[in-house]
Amino acid sequence: QVQLVESGGGLVQAGGSLTLSCAASGPIVNINAMPWYRQAPESQRELVATIRSIGTTNYADSVKGRFTISRDDAKNTVYLQMNSLKSEDTAVYYCNLLAYPSSYWGQGTQVTVSS
């Protein structure tokens, strides 16, 4: 079965940087996209950034210019480089893999930004 394992979360001061990783394993075929989502306490899960199979990317307005999504196909890994972090970026970050009609999720990694 397909598994996604996130890593790289932690505690960082405002203005700092973190890089999240999402490593995919298992019978992966025809990936359409690998988005990152986040969910803050008492909030809905929101889409942060997406990278599609053709390499195009999209970002939420709240992270544009600060976050960069990228991938290493050889390692089946997607990264989320987060710079200029703000307290409002505090959330559990989840990796998602879309291989229509299937969708897979990682367990999440906590990012806490102290002000």
C-alpha atoms as a PDB file:
ATOM      1  CA  GLN A   1       0.000   0.000   0.000  1.00  0.00           C
ATOM      2  CA  VAL A   2       1.041   3.595  -0.567  1.00  0.00           C
ATOM      3  CA  GLN A   3       2.531   5.316   2.459  1.00  0.00           C
ATOM      4  CA  LEU A   4       3.482   8.943   2.979  1.00  0.00           C
ATOM      5  CA  VAL A   5       5.857   9.936   5.733  1.00  0.00           C
ATOM      6  CA  GLU A   6       6.318  13.598   6.606  1.00  0.00           C
ATOM      7  CA  SER A   7       9.280  14.984   8.492  1.00  0.00           C
ATOM      8  CA  GLY A   8      10.964  18.278   9.232  1.00  0.00           C
ATOM      9  CA  GLY A   9       8.442  19.922  11.507  1.00  0.00           C
ATOM     10  CA  GLY A  10       9.389  21.553  14.772  1.00  0.00           C
ATOM     11  CA  LEU A  11       9.546  24.740  16.783  1.00  0.00           C
ATOM     12  CA  VAL A  12      10.973  27.842  15.150  1.00  0.00           C
ATOM     13  CA  GLN A  13      10.999  31.536  15.939  1.00  0.00           C
ATOM     14  CA  ALA A  14       9.075  33.973  13.797  1.00  0.00           C
ATOM     15  CA  GLY A  15      11.115  34.922  10.772  1.00  0.00           C
ATOM     16  CA  GLY A  16      12.848  31.572  10.700  1.00  0.00           C
ATOM     17  CA  SER A  17      12.756  28.749   8.183  1.00  0.00           C
ATOM     18  CA  LEU A  18      11.869  25.085   8.044  1.00  0.00           C
ATOM     19  CA  THR A  19      11.838  22.520   5.281  1.00  0.00           C
ATOM     20  CA  LEU A  20       9.244  19.766   5.365  1.00  0.00           C
ATOM     21  CA  SER A  21       9.710  16.495   3.502  1.00  0.00           C
ATOM     22  CA  CYS A  22       7.169  13.955   2.358  1.00  0.00           C
ATOM     23  CA  ALA A  23       8.511  10.594   1.253  1.00  0.00           C
ATOM     24  CA  ALA A  24       6.155   8.329  -0.671  1.00  0.00           C
ATOM     25  CA  SER A  25       6.550   4.579  -0.893  1.00  0.00           C
ATOM     26  CA  GLY A  26       4.568   1.634  -2.189  1.00  0.00           C
ATOM     27  CA  PRO A  27       2.869   0.856  -5.503  1.00  0.00           C
ATOM     28  CA  ILE A  28       2.759   4.422  -6.797  1.00  0.00           C
ATOM     29  CA  VAL A  29       1.508   4.912 -10.316  1.00  0.00           C
ATOM     30  CA  ASN A  30       0.264   7.903 -12.273  1.00  0.00           C
ATOM     31  CA  ILE A  31       0.682  10.611  -9.670  1.00  0.00           C
ATOM     32  CA  ASN A  32      -1.405  13.621 -10.616  1.00  0.00           C
ATOM     33  CA  ALA A  33      -0.319  15.994  -7.882  1.00  0.00           C
ATOM     34  CA  MET A  34       1.183  16.167  -4.416  1.00  0.00           C
ATOM     35  CA  PRO A  35      -0.227  19.014  -2.377  1.00  0.00           C
ATOM     36  CA  TRP A  36       0.618  20.157   1.128  1.00  0.00           C
ATOM     37  CA  TYR A  37      -2.207  21.057   3.484  1.00  0.00           C
ATOM     38  CA  ARG A  38      -2.228  22.418   6.994  1.00  0.00           C
ATOM     39  CA  GLN A  39      -4.665  22.498   9.843  1.00  0.00           C
ATOM     40  CA  ALA A  40      -4.467  24.887  12.743  1.00  0.00           C
ATOM     41  CA  PRO A  41      -6.326  24.228  16.003  1.00  0.00           C
ATOM     42  CA  GLU A  42     -10.073  24.739  15.673  1.00  0.00           C
ATOM     43  CA  SER A  43      -9.686  25.482  11.962  1.00  0.00           C
ATOM     44  CA  GLN A  44     -10.439  23.653   8.764  1.00  0.00           C
ATOM     45  CA  ARG A  45      -7.702  21.985   6.787  1.00  0.00           C
ATOM     46  CA  GLU A  46      -6.453  24.356   4.123  1.00  0.00           C
ATOM     47  CA  LEU A  47      -4.481  23.875   0.938  1.00  0.00           C
ATOM     48  CA  VAL A  48      -1.036  25.431   1.181  1.00  0.00           C
ATOM     49  CA  ALA A  49       0.759  24.468  -2.022  1.00  0.00           C
ATOM     50  CA  THR A  50       0.479  22.013  -4.898  1.00  0.00           C
ATOM     51  CA  ILE A  51       2.939  20.557  -7.348  1.00  0.00           C
ATOM     52  CA  ARG A  52       1.503  18.692 -10.302  1.00  0.00           C
ATOM     53  CA  SER A  53       2.948  15.851 -12.340  1.00  0.00           C
ATOM     54  CA  ILE A  54       3.914  18.281 -15.082  1.00  0.00           C
ATOM     55  CA  GLY A  55       5.769  20.431 -12.571  1.00  0.00           C
ATOM     56  CA  THR A  56       3.431  23.388 -12.278  1.00  0.00           C
ATOM     57  CA  THR A  57       2.859  24.803  -8.819  1.00  0.00           C
ATOM     58  CA  ASN A  58       0.231  26.798  -6.969  1.00  0.00           C
ATOM     59  CA  TYR A  59       0.274  28.490  -3.588  1.00  0.00           C
ATOM     60  CA  ALA A  60      -2.221  29.867  -1.154  1.00  0.00           C
ATOM     61  CA  ASP A  61      -2.137  33.651  -1.091  1.00  0.00           C
ATOM     62  CA  SER A  62      -1.069  33.555   2.544  1.00  0.00           C
ATOM     63  CA  VAL A  63       2.207  31.786   1.723  1.00  0.00           C
ATOM     64  CA  LYS A  64       3.090  33.164  -1.714  1.00  0.00           C
ATOM     65  CA  GLY A  65       6.611  34.483  -1.809  1.00  0.00           C
ATOM     66  CA  ARG A  66       7.524  32.687   1.430  1.00  0.00           C
ATOM     67  CA  PHE A  67       6.957  28.988   0.717  1.00  0.00           C
ATOM     68  CA  THR A  68       8.346  26.893  -2.118  1.00  0.00           C
ATOM     69  CA  ILE A  69       7.165  23.421  -3.078  1.00  0.00           C
ATOM     70  CA  SER A  70       9.493  21.118  -4.981  1.00  0.00           C
ATOM     71  CA  ARG A  71      10.050  17.440  -5.602  1.00  0.00           C
ATOM     72  CA  ASP A  72      12.713  14.843  -6.195  1.00  0.00           C
ATOM     73  CA  ASP A  73      11.219  12.214  -8.486  1.00  0.00           C
ATOM     74  CA  ALA A  74      14.108   9.820  -7.971  1.00  0.00           C
ATOM     75  CA  LYS A  75      13.334   9.769  -4.254  1.00  0.00           C
ATOM     76  CA  ASN A  76       9.538  10.053  -4.574  1.00  0.00           C
ATOM     77  CA  THR A  77       9.819  12.960  -2.182  1.00  0.00           C
ATOM     78  CA  VAL A  78       8.121  16.344  -2.080  1.00  0.00           C
ATOM     79  CA  TYR A  79       9.489  19.264  -0.094  1.00  0.00           C
ATOM     80  CA  LEU A  80       7.999  22.405   1.328  1.00  0.00           C
ATOM     81  CA  GLN A  81      10.574  25.103   2.003  1.00  0.00           C
ATOM     82  CA  MET A  82       9.074  27.618   4.419  1.00  0.00           C
ATOM     83  CA  ASN A  83      10.777  30.968   4.940  1.00  0.00           C
ATOM     84  CA  SER A  84       9.846  34.078   6.892  1.00  0.00           C
ATOM     85  CA  LEU A  85       7.596  32.023   9.110  1.00  0.00           C
ATOM     86  CA  LYS A  86       4.835  33.747  11.036  1.00  0.00           C
ATOM     87  CA  SER A  87       2.892  32.701  14.107  1.00  0.00           C
ATOM     88  CA  GLU A  88      -0.153  32.159  11.905  1.00  0.00           C
ATOM     89  CA  ASP A  89       1.761  29.420  10.064  1.00  0.00           C
ATOM     90  CA  THR A  90       1.505  27.288  13.196  1.00  0.00           C
ATOM     91  CA  ALA A  91      -0.376  24.123  12.259  1.00  0.00           C
ATOM     92  CA  VAL A  92      -0.104  20.440  11.553  1.00  0.00           C
ATOM     93  CA  TYR A  93       1.119  20.070   7.984  1.00  0.00           C
ATOM     94  CA  TYR A  94      -0.101  17.151   5.902  1.00  0.00           C
ATOM     95  CA  CYS A  95       1.209  15.723   2.682  1.00  0.00           C
ATOM     96  CA  ASN A  96      -1.318  14.428   0.153  1.00  0.00           C
ATOM     97  CA  LEU A  97      -0.778  12.280  -2.926  1.00  0.00           C
ATOM     98  CA  LEU A  98      -3.371  12.338  -5.688  1.00  0.00           C
ATOM     99  CA  ALA A  99      -3.437   9.443  -8.111  1.00  0.00           C
ATOM    100  CA  TYR A 100      -6.970   9.600  -9.369  1.00  0.00           C
ATOM    101  CA  PRO A 101      -9.228   8.167  -8.181  1.00  0.00           C
ATOM    102  CA  SER A 102      -7.109   7.483  -5.103  1.00  0.00           C
ATOM    103  CA  SER A 103      -5.924   9.955  -2.509  1.00  0.00           C
ATOM    104  CA  TYR A 104      -3.384   9.231   0.198  1.00  0.00           C
ATOM    105  CA  TRP A 105      -2.429  11.182   3.321  1.00  0.00           C
ATOM    106  CA  GLY A 106       0.530  11.287   5.613  1.00  0.00           C
ATOM    107  CA  GLN A 107       0.263  11.387   9.376  1.00  0.00           C
ATOM    108  CA  GLY A 108       1.124  15.064   9.619  1.00  0.00           C
ATOM    109  CA  THR A 109       4.000  16.993  11.122  1.00  0.00           C
ATOM    110  CA  GLN A 110       3.633  19.804  13.651  1.00  0.00           C
ATOM    111  CA  VAL A 111       5.042  23.231  12.867  1.00  0.00           C
ATOM    112  CA  THR A 112       5.025  25.740  15.702  1.00  0.00           C
ATOM    113  CA  VAL A 113       6.168  29.312  15.149  1.00  0.00           C
ATOM    114  CA  SER A 114       6.847  31.334  18.265  1.00  0.00           C
ATOM    115  CA  SER A 115       6.489  35.084  18.179  1.00  0.00           C
END
